[in-house]
PDB file of all heavy atoms in Angstrom:
ATOM      1  N   VAL A   1      92.057  94.407  86.556  1.00  0.00           N
ATOM      2  CA  VAL A   1      92.819  95.561  86.916  1.00  0.00           C
ATOM      3  C   VAL A   1      92.609  96.666  85.884  1.00  0.00           C
ATOM      4  O   VAL A   1      92.487  97.856  86.212  1.00  0.00           O
ATOM      5  CB  VAL A   1      94.257  95.144  87.054  1.00  0.00           C
ATOM      6  CG1 VAL A   1      95.202  96.468  87.147  1.00  0.00           C
ATOM      7  CG2 VAL A   1      94.549  94.204  88.167  1.00  0.00           C
ATOM      8  N   TRP A   2      92.579  96.295  84.612  1.00  0.00           N
ATOM      9  CA  TRP A   2      92.478  97.205  83.457  1.00  0.00           C
ATOM     10  C   TRP A   2      90.997  97.370  83.006  1.00  0.00           C
ATOM     11  O   TRP A   2      90.747  98.228  82.225  1.00  0.00           O
ATOM     12  CB  TRP A   2      93.397  96.962  82.289  1.00  0.00           C
ATOM     13  CG  TRP A   2      94.904  97.323  82.599  1.00  0.00           C
ATOM     14  CD1 TRP A   2      95.494  98.486  82.266  1.00  0.00           C
ATOM     15  CD2 TRP A   2      95.841  96.479  83.281  1.00  0.00           C
ATOM     16  NE1 TRP A   2      96.755  98.483  82.785  1.00  0.00           N
ATOM     17  CE2 TRP A   2      97.006  97.267  83.381  1.00  0.00           C
ATOM     18  CE3 TRP A   2      95.884  95.211  83.877  1.00  0.00           C
ATOM     19  CZ2 TRP A   2      98.185  96.906  83.889  1.00  0.00           C
ATOM     20  CZ3 TRP A   2      97.023  94.767  84.391  1.00  0.00           C
ATOM     21  CH2 TRP A   2      98.162  95.426  84.446  1.00  0.00           C
ATOM     22  N   GLY A   3      90.127  96.416  83.375  1.00  0.00           N
ATOM     23  CA  GLY A   3      88.844  96.449  82.922  1.00  0.00           C
ATOM     24  C   GLY A   3      88.656  95.844  81.616  1.00  0.00           C
ATOM     25  O   GLY A   3      87.521  95.866  81.084  1.00  0.00           O
ATOM     26  N   ARG A   4      89.592  95.123  81.095  1.00  0.00           N
ATOM     27  CA  ARG A   4      89.539  94.368  79.828  1.00  0.00           C
ATOM     28  C   ARG A   4      90.491  93.376  79.825  1.00  0.00           C
ATOM     29  O   ARG A   4      91.700  93.453  80.387  1.00  0.00           O
ATOM     30  CB  ARG A   4      89.737  95.325  78.639  1.00  0.00           C
ATOM     31  CG  ARG A   4      91.059  96.075  78.697  1.00  0.00           C
ATOM     32  CD  ARG A   4      91.201  97.126  77.606  1.00  0.00           C
ATOM     33  NE  ARG A   4      92.457  97.755  77.362  1.00  0.00           N
ATOM     34  CZ  ARG A   4      93.097  98.681  78.212  1.00  0.00           C
ATOM     35  NH1 ARG A   4      92.359  99.185  79.172  1.00  0.00           N
ATOM     36  NH2 ARG A   4      94.237  99.135  78.023  1.00  0.00           N
ATOM     37  N   SER A   5      90.269  92.226  79.101  1.00  0.00           N
ATOM     38  CA  SER A   5      91.170  91.194  79.073  1.00  0.00           C
ATOM     39  C   SER A   5      92.012  91.153  77.868  1.00  0.00           C
ATOM     40  O   SER A   5      92.938  90.321  77.719  1.00  0.00           O
ATOM     41  CB  SER A   5      90.401  89.804  79.136  1.00  0.00           C
ATOM     42  OG  SER A   5      89.468  89.861  78.100  1.00  0.00           O
ATOM     43  N   THR A   6      91.776  92.020  76.922  1.00  0.00           N
ATOM     44  CA  THR A   6      92.666  92.157  75.653  1.00  0.00           C
ATOM     45  C   THR A   6      93.336  93.487  75.711  1.00  0.00           C
ATOM     46  O   THR A   6      92.989  94.382  76.499  1.00  0.00           O
ATOM     47  CB  THR A   6      91.700  92.048  74.535  1.00  0.00           C
ATOM     48  OG1 THR A   6      90.655  93.040  74.547  1.00  0.00           O
ATOM     49  CG2 THR A   6      91.048  90.659  74.443  1.00  0.00           C
ATOM     50  N   GLU A   7      94.160  93.622  74.812  1.00  0.00           N
ATOM     51  CA  GLU A   7      94.929  94.962  74.625  1.00  0.00           C
ATOM     52  C   GLU A   7      95.909  95.199  75.841  1.00  0.00           C
ATOM     53  O   GLU A   7      96.421  96.300  75.797  1.00  0.00           O
ATOM     54  CB  GLU A   7      94.031  96.105  74.331  1.00  0.00           C
ATOM     55  CG  GLU A   7      93.140  95.918  73.201  1.00  0.00           C
ATOM     56  CD  GLU A   7      92.163  97.163  73.024  1.00  0.00           C
ATOM     57  OE1 GLU A   7      92.206  98.027  73.806  1.00  0.00           O
ATOM     58  OE2 GLU A   7      91.378  97.203  72.096  1.00  0.00           O
ATOM     59  N   VAL A   8      96.068  94.323  76.688  1.00  0.00           N
ATOM     60  CA  VAL A   8      97.059  94.454  77.758  1.00  0.00           C
ATOM     61  C   VAL A   8      98.013  93.381  77.583  1.00  0.00           C
ATOM     62  O   VAL A   8      97.834  92.281  77.795  1.00  0.00           O
ATOM     63  CB  VAL A   8      96.383  94.290  79.228  1.00  0.00           C
ATOM     64  CG1 VAL A   8      97.473  94.400  80.313  1.00  0.00           C
ATOM     65  CG2 VAL A   8      95.281  95.233  79.391  1.00  0.00           C
ATOM     66  N   CYS A   9      99.309  93.880  77.212  1.00  0.00           N
ATOM     67  CA  CYS A   9     100.285  92.974  76.741  1.00  0.00           C
ATOM     68  C   CYS A   9     100.875  92.311  78.005  1.00  0.00           C
ATOM     69  O   CYS A   9     100.908  92.784  79.083  1.00  0.00           O
ATOM     70  CB  CYS A   9     101.351  93.557  75.923  1.00  0.00           C
ATOM     71  SG  CYS A   9     102.410  94.802  76.833  1.00  0.00           S
ATOM     72  N   LYS A  10     101.589  91.069  77.813  1.00  0.00           N
ATOM     73  CA  LYS A  10     102.187  90.377  78.785  1.00  0.00           C
ATOM     74  C   LYS A  10     103.346  91.217  79.489  1.00  0.00           C
ATOM     75  O   LYS A  10     103.500  91.171  80.726  1.00  0.00           O
ATOM     76  CB  LYS A  10     102.804  89.051  78.261  1.00  0.00           C
ATOM     77  CG  LYS A  10     103.506  88.211  79.289  1.00  0.00           C
ATOM     78  CD  LYS A  10     103.996  86.942  78.691  1.00  0.00           C
ATOM     79  CE  LYS A  10     104.871  86.148  79.595  1.00  0.00           C
ATOM     80  NZ  LYS A  10     105.455  84.898  79.030  1.00  0.00           N
ATOM     81  N   ARG A  11     104.024  91.989  78.680  1.00  0.00           N
ATOM     82  CA  ARG A  11     105.143  92.826  79.214  1.00  0.00           C
ATOM     83  C   ARG A  11     104.602  93.836  80.215  1.00  0.00           C
ATOM     84  O   ARG A  11     105.157  94.106  81.318  1.00  0.00           O
ATOM     85  CB  ARG A  11     105.909  93.541  78.207  1.00  0.00           C
ATOM     86  CG  ARG A  11     107.036  94.325  78.631  1.00  0.00           C
ATOM     87  CD  ARG A  11     108.077  93.520  79.257  1.00  0.00           C
ATOM     88  NE  ARG A  11     109.245  94.298  79.704  1.00  0.00           N
ATOM     89  CZ  ARG A  11     110.212  93.905  80.533  1.00  0.00           C
ATOM     90  NH1 ARG A  11     110.009  92.729  81.150  1.00  0.00           N
ATOM     91  NH2 ARG A  11     111.191  94.719  80.965  1.00  0.00           N
ATOM     92  N   THR A  12     103.486  94.458  80.029  1.00  0.00           N
ATOM     93  CA  THR A  12     102.843  95.320  80.858  1.00  0.00           C
ATOM     94  C   THR A  12     102.542  94.848  82.250  1.00  0.00           C
ATOM     95  O   THR A  12     102.809  95.335  83.348  1.00  0.00           O
ATOM     96  CB  THR A  12     101.615  96.054  80.225  1.00  0.00           C
ATOM     97  OG1 THR A  12     101.976  96.676  79.057  1.00  0.00           O
ATOM     98  CG2 THR A  12     101.008  97.117  81.222  1.00  0.00           C
ATOM     99  N   LEU A  13     101.882  93.580  82.209  1.00  0.00           N
ATOM    100  CA  LEU A  13     101.580  92.874  83.377  1.00  0.00           C
ATOM    101  C   LEU A  13     102.810  92.568  84.124  1.00  0.00           C
ATOM    102  O   LEU A  13     102.846  92.611  85.455  1.00  0.00           O
ATOM    103  CB  LEU A  13     100.681  91.636  83.056  1.00  0.00           C
ATOM    104  CG  LEU A  13     100.254  90.818  84.251  1.00  0.00           C
ATOM    105  CD1 LEU A  13      99.415  91.668  85.172  1.00  0.00           C
ATOM    106  CD2 LEU A  13      99.356  89.564  83.744  1.00  0.00           C
ATOM    107  N   GLU A  14     103.839  92.012  83.524  1.00  0.00           N
ATOM    108  CA  GLU A  14     105.176  91.710  84.159  1.00  0.00           C
ATOM    109  C   GLU A  14     105.761  92.851  84.859  1.00  0.00           C
ATOM    110  O   GLU A  14     106.199  92.779  85.957  1.00  0.00           O
ATOM    111  CB  GLU A  14     106.088  91.061  83.125  1.00  0.00           C
ATOM    112  CG  GLU A  14     105.727  89.719  82.701  1.00  0.00           C
ATOM    113  CD  GLU A  14     106.559  89.147  81.578  1.00  0.00           C
ATOM    114  OE1 GLU A  14     107.430  90.030  81.118  1.00  0.00           O
ATOM    115  OE2 GLU A  14     106.591  88.052  81.337  1.00  0.00           O
ATOM    116  N   GLN A  15     105.602  94.014  84.253  1.00  0.00           N
ATOM    117  CA  GLN A  15     106.245  95.278  84.824  1.00  0.00           C
ATOM    118  C   GLN A  15     105.497  95.528  86.165  1.00  0.00           C
ATOM    119  O   GLN A  15     106.134  96.118  87.168  1.00  0.00           O
ATOM    120  CB  GLN A  15     106.248  96.303  83.862  1.00  0.00           C
ATOM    121  CG  GLN A  15     107.171  96.174  82.698  1.00  0.00           C
ATOM    122  CD  GLN A  15     107.124  97.212  81.718  1.00  0.00           C
ATOM    123  OE1 GLN A  15     106.102  97.996  81.593  1.00  0.00           O
ATOM    124  NE2 GLN A  15     108.094  97.394  80.759  1.00  0.00           N
ATOM    125  N   HIS A  16     104.087  95.607  86.127  1.00  0.00           N
ATOM    126  CA  HIS A  16     103.372  95.801  87.324  1.00  0.00           C
ATOM    127  C   HIS A  16     103.620  94.818  88.306  1.00  0.00           C
ATOM    128  O   HIS A  16     103.713  95.149  89.598  1.00  0.00           O
ATOM    129  CB  HIS A  16     101.894  95.900  86.920  1.00  0.00           C
ATOM    130  CG  HIS A  16     101.508  97.164  86.328  1.00  0.00           C
ATOM    131  ND1 HIS A  16     101.658  97.488  85.024  1.00  0.00           N
ATOM    132  CD2 HIS A  16     100.701  98.239  86.817  1.00  0.00           C
ATOM    133  CE1 HIS A  16     101.297  98.795  84.685  1.00  0.00           C
ATOM    134  NE2 HIS A  16     100.692  99.208  85.822  1.00  0.00           N
ATOM    135  N   ILE A  17     103.722  93.538  88.043  1.00  0.00           N
ATOM    136  CA  ILE A  17     104.070  92.547  89.065  1.00  0.00           C
ATOM    137  C   ILE A  17     105.518  92.784  89.635  1.00  0.00           C
ATOM    138  O   ILE A  17     105.660  92.763  90.881  1.00  0.00           O
ATOM    139  CB  ILE A  17     104.072  91.126  88.404  1.00  0.00           C
ATOM    140  CG1 ILE A  17     102.590  90.661  88.155  1.00  0.00           C
ATOM    141  CG2 ILE A  17     104.771  90.164  89.412  1.00  0.00           C
ATOM    142  CD1 ILE A  17     101.724  90.320  89.281  1.00  0.00           C
ATOM    143  N   TYR A  18     106.523  93.227  88.822  1.00  0.00           N
ATOM    144  CA  TYR A  18     107.784  93.510  89.359  1.00  0.00           C
ATOM    145  C   TYR A  18     107.754  94.664  90.288  1.00  0.00           C
ATOM    146  O   TYR A  18     108.300  94.567  91.381  1.00  0.00           O
ATOM    147  CB  TYR A  18     108.711  93.830  88.159  1.00  0.00           C
ATOM    148  CG  TYR A  18     110.051  94.422  88.579  1.00  0.00           C
ATOM    149  CD1 TYR A  18     110.978  93.508  89.032  1.00  0.00           C
ATOM    150  CD2 TYR A  18     110.305  95.780  88.495  1.00  0.00           C
ATOM    151  CE1 TYR A  18     112.243  94.109  89.473  1.00  0.00           C
ATOM    152  CE2 TYR A  18     111.495  96.183  88.767  1.00  0.00           C
ATOM    153  CZ  TYR A  18     112.466  95.413  89.371  1.00  0.00           C
ATOM    154  OH  TYR A  18     113.668  95.928  89.817  1.00  0.00           O
ATOM    155  N   ARG A  19     107.022  95.776  89.934  1.00  0.00           N
ATOM    156  CA  ARG A  19     107.035  96.919  90.858  1.00  0.00           C
ATOM    157  C   ARG A  19     106.293  96.627  92.181  1.00  0.00           C
ATOM    158  O   ARG A  19     106.586  97.104  93.230  1.00  0.00           O
ATOM    159  CB  ARG A  19     106.314  98.043  90.050  1.00  0.00           C
ATOM    160  CG  ARG A  19     107.128  98.731  89.030  1.00  0.00           C
ATOM    161  CD  ARG A  19     106.603 100.042  88.687  1.00  0.00           C
ATOM    162  NE  ARG A  19     105.462  99.986  87.908  1.00  0.00           N
ATOM    163  CZ  ARG A  19     105.201  99.908  86.517  1.00  0.00           C
ATOM    164  NH1 ARG A  19     106.426  99.963  85.871  1.00  0.00           N
ATOM    165  NH2 ARG A  19     104.087  99.860  86.061  1.00  0.00           N
ATOM    166  N   LEU A  20     105.185  95.798  92.031  1.00  0.00           N
ATOM    167  CA  LEU A  20     104.476  95.391  93.267  1.00  0.00           C
ATOM    168  C   LEU A  20     105.378  94.608  94.168  1.00  0.00           C
ATOM    169  O   LEU A  20     105.223  94.702  95.367  1.00  0.00           O
ATOM    170  CB  LEU A  20     103.206  94.583  92.844  1.00  0.00           C
ATOM    171  CG  LEU A  20     102.381  94.168  93.905  1.00  0.00           C
ATOM    172  CD1 LEU A  20     101.709  95.459  94.736  1.00  0.00           C
ATOM    173  CD2 LEU A  20     101.134  93.344  93.561  1.00  0.00           C
ATOM    174  N   ARG A  21     106.043  93.622  93.677  1.00  0.00           N
ATOM    175  CA  ARG A  21     106.974  92.853  94.451  1.00  0.00           C
ATOM    176  C   ARG A  21     107.990  93.696  95.133  1.00  0.00           C
ATOM    177  O   ARG A  21     108.367  93.568  96.321  1.00  0.00           O
ATOM    178  CB  ARG A  21     107.736  91.806  93.538  1.00  0.00           C
ATOM    179  CG  ARG A  21     106.874  90.534  93.139  1.00  0.00           C
ATOM    180  CD  ARG A  21     107.571  89.744  92.170  1.00  0.00           C
ATOM    181  NE  ARG A  21     107.044  88.518  91.916  1.00  0.00           N
ATOM    182  CZ  ARG A  21     107.295  87.789  90.760  1.00  0.00           C
ATOM    183  NH1 ARG A  21     108.135  88.257  89.755  1.00  0.00           N
ATOM    184  NH2 ARG A  21     106.792  86.595  90.566  1.00  0.00           N
ATOM    185  N   ARG A  22     108.653  94.663  94.319  1.00  0.00           N
ATOM    186  CA  ARG A  22     109.648  95.510  94.850  1.00  0.00           C
ATOM    187  C   ARG A  22     109.140  96.484  96.019  1.00  0.00           C
ATOM    188  O   ARG A  22     109.811  96.615  97.056  1.00  0.00           O
ATOM    189  CB  ARG A  22     110.266  96.325  93.745  1.00  0.00           C
ATOM    190  CG  ARG A  22     111.352  97.283  94.154  1.00  0.00           C
ATOM    191  CD  ARG A  22     112.050  97.892  93.003  1.00  0.00           C
ATOM    192  NE  ARG A  22     111.102  98.533  92.080  1.00  0.00           N
ATOM    193  CZ  ARG A  22     110.702  99.729  92.227  1.00  0.00           C
ATOM    194  NH1 ARG A  22     111.101 100.539  93.242  1.00  0.00           N
ATOM    195  NH2 ARG A  22     109.913 100.208  91.360  1.00  0.00           N
ATOM    196  N   LYS A  23     107.956  97.010  95.840  1.00  0.00           N
ATOM    197  CA  LYS A  23     107.352  97.950  96.783  1.00  0.00           C
ATOM    198  C   LYS A  23     106.916  97.272  98.083  1.00  0.00           C
ATOM    199  O   LYS A  23     107.124  97.674  99.197  1.00  0.00           O
ATOM    200  CB  LYS A  23     106.160  98.748  96.178  1.00  0.00           C
ATOM    201  CG  LYS A  23     106.596  99.702  95.197  1.00  0.00           C
ATOM    202  CD  LYS A  23     105.300 100.563  94.760  1.00  0.00           C
ATOM    203  CE  LYS A  23     105.787 101.599  93.737  1.00  0.00           C
ATOM    204  NZ  LYS A  23     104.597 102.477  93.438  1.00  0.00           N
ATOM    205  N   LEU A  24     106.279  95.975  97.810  1.00  0.00           N
ATOM    206  CA  LEU A  24     105.993  95.283  99.079  1.00  0.00           C
ATOM    207  C   LEU A  24     107.131  94.411  99.700  1.00  0.00           C
ATOM    208  O   LEU A  24     107.002  93.957 100.798  1.00  0.00           O
ATOM    209  CB  LEU A  24     104.815  94.323  98.625  1.00  0.00           C
ATOM    210  CG  LEU A  24     103.491  94.886  98.146  1.00  0.00           C
ATOM    211  CD1 LEU A  24     102.477  93.834  97.818  1.00  0.00           C
ATOM    212  CD2 LEU A  24     103.005  95.939  99.107  1.00  0.00           C
ATOM    213  N   SER A  25     108.244  94.271  98.896  1.00  0.00           N
ATOM    214  CA  SER A  25     109.360  93.388  99.444  1.00  0.00           C
ATOM    215  C   SER A  25     109.017  92.101  99.838  1.00  0.00           C
ATOM    216  O   SER A  25     109.322  91.679 100.922  1.00  0.00           O
ATOM    217  CB  SER A  25     110.078  94.090 100.409  1.00  0.00           C
ATOM    218  OG  SER A  25     110.695  95.403  99.915  1.00  0.00           O
ATOM    219  N   ILE A  26     108.221  91.438  99.040  1.00  0.00           N
ATOM    220  CA  ILE A  26     107.709  90.101  99.594  1.00  0.00           C
ATOM    221  C   ILE A  26     108.363  88.847  98.976  1.00  0.00           C
ATOM    222  O   ILE A  26     107.876  87.799  99.129  1.00  0.00           O
ATOM    223  CB  ILE A  26     106.163  90.030  99.227  1.00  0.00           C
ATOM    224  CG1 ILE A  26     105.818  90.176  97.702  1.00  0.00           C
ATOM    225  CG2 ILE A  26     105.296  91.021 100.018  1.00  0.00           C
ATOM    226  CD1 ILE A  26     104.447  90.121  97.362  1.00  0.00           C
ATOM    227  N   ASN A  27     109.465  89.083  98.184  1.00  0.00           N
ATOM    228  CA  ASN A  27     110.099  87.852  97.645  1.00  0.00           C
ATOM    229  C   ASN A  27     111.445  87.695  98.440  1.00  0.00           C
ATOM    230  O   ASN A  27     112.343  86.909  97.942  1.00  0.00           O
ATOM    231  CB  ASN A  27     110.383  88.045  96.188  1.00  0.00           C
ATOM    232  CG  ASN A  27     109.165  87.372  95.449  1.00  0.00           C
ATOM    233  OD1 ASN A  27     108.052  87.309  96.038  1.00  0.00           O
ATOM    234  ND2 ASN A  27     109.356  87.200  94.208  1.00  0.00           N
ATOM    235  N   SER A  28     111.754  88.376  99.568  1.00  0.00           N
ATOM    236  CA  SER A  28     112.906  88.095 100.301  1.00  0.00           C
ATOM    237  C   SER A  28     112.737  86.766 101.112  1.00  0.00           C
ATOM    238  O   SER A  28     111.613  86.370 101.408  1.00  0.00           O
ATOM    239  CB  SER A  28     113.135  89.282 101.329  1.00  0.00           C
ATOM    240  OG  SER A  28     112.025  89.517 102.108  1.00  0.00           O
ATOM    241  N   LEU A  29     113.916  86.302 101.588  1.00  0.00           N
ATOM    242  CA  LEU A  29     113.945  84.858 102.195  1.00  0.00           C
ATOM    243  C   LEU A  29     112.984  84.944 103.503  1.00  0.00           C
ATOM    244  O   LEU A  29     112.476  83.987 103.886  1.00  0.00           O
ATOM    245  CB  LEU A  29     115.224  84.546 102.483  1.00  0.00           C
ATOM    246  CG  LEU A  29     116.113  84.044 101.197  1.00  0.00           C
ATOM    247  CD1 LEU A  29     117.468  83.615 101.502  1.00  0.00           C
ATOM    248  CD2 LEU A  29     115.469  82.988 100.397  1.00  0.00           C
ATOM    249  N   ASP A  30     113.070  86.123 104.161  1.00  0.00           N
ATOM    250  CA  ASP A  30     112.263  86.116 105.452  1.00  0.00           C
ATOM    251  C   ASP A  30     110.873  86.594 105.324  1.00  0.00           C
ATOM    252  O   ASP A  30     110.111  86.899 106.317  1.00  0.00           O
ATOM    253  CB  ASP A  30     113.045  87.016 106.466  1.00  0.00           C
ATOM    254  CG  ASP A  30     113.126  88.564 105.856  1.00  0.00           C
ATOM    255  OD1 ASP A  30     112.835  88.689 104.700  1.00  0.00           O
ATOM    256  OD2 ASP A  30     113.500  89.319 106.678  1.00  0.00           O
ATOM    257  N   SER A  31     110.373  86.696 104.047  1.00  0.00           N
ATOM    258  CA  SER A  31     108.970  87.097 103.834  1.00  0.00           C
ATOM    259  C   SER A  31     108.045  85.918 103.933  1.00  0.00           C
ATOM    260  O   SER A  31     108.169  84.817 103.675  1.00  0.00           O
ATOM    261  CB  SER A  31     108.803  87.786 102.429  1.00  0.00           C
ATOM    262  OG  SER A  31     107.444  88.077 102.288  1.00  0.00           O
ATOM    263  N   GLN A  32     106.791  86.296 104.541  1.00  0.00           N
ATOM    264  CA  GLN A  32     105.864  85.304 104.742  1.00  0.00           C
ATOM    265  C   GLN A  32     104.904  85.188 103.558  1.00  0.00           C
ATOM    266  O   GLN A  32     104.129  84.236 103.359  1.00  0.00           O
ATOM    267  CB  GLN A  32     104.920  85.690 105.937  1.00  0.00           C
ATOM    268  CG  GLN A  32     105.662  85.587 107.291  1.00  0.00           C
ATOM    269  CD  GLN A  32     104.613  85.869 108.399  1.00  0.00           C
ATOM    270  OE1 GLN A  32     103.777  86.649 108.289  1.00  0.00           O
ATOM    271  NE2 GLN A  32     105.063  85.472 109.713  1.00  0.00           N
ATOM    272  N   ILE A  33     105.162  85.955 102.575  1.00  0.00           N
ATOM    273  CA  ILE A  33     104.230  85.974 101.541  1.00  0.00           C
ATOM    274  C   ILE A  33     105.095  86.001 100.110  1.00  0.00           C
ATOM    275  O   ILE A  33     106.158  86.686 100.094  1.00  0.00           O
ATOM    276  CB  ILE A  33     103.338  87.291 101.323  1.00  0.00           C
ATOM    277  CG1 ILE A  33     102.198  86.948 102.498  1.00  0.00           C
ATOM    278  CG2 ILE A  33     102.528  87.404 100.044  1.00  0.00           C
ATOM    279  CD1 ILE A  33     101.317  88.148 102.684  1.00  0.00           C
ATOM    280  N   ARG A  34     104.769  85.205  99.142  1.00  0.00           N
ATOM    281  CA  ARG A  34     105.487  85.326  97.815  1.00  0.00           C
ATOM    282  C   ARG A  34     104.443  85.311  96.621  1.00  0.00           C
ATOM    283  O   ARG A  34     103.299  84.906  96.693  1.00  0.00           O
ATOM    284  CB  ARG A  34     106.184  83.923  97.685  1.00  0.00           C
ATOM    285  CG  ARG A  34     107.231  83.662  98.663  1.00  0.00           C
ATOM    286  CD  ARG A  34     108.580  84.356  98.290  1.00  0.00           C
ATOM    287  NE  ARG A  34     109.631  84.193  99.107  1.00  0.00           N
ATOM    288  CZ  ARG A  34     110.523  83.042  98.923  1.00  0.00           C
ATOM    289  NH1 ARG A  34     110.353  82.238  97.947  1.00  0.00           N
ATOM    290  NH2 ARG A  34     111.592  82.861  99.764  1.00  0.00           N
TER     291      ARG A  34
END
């Protein structure tokens, strides 16, 4: 995603995962994808 495996902190990745989940709304109980 960033083109490098270093200098990308865990918190940055967690924030992007959180925003992706929210925008796709894929963690609701009726979702087919998690």
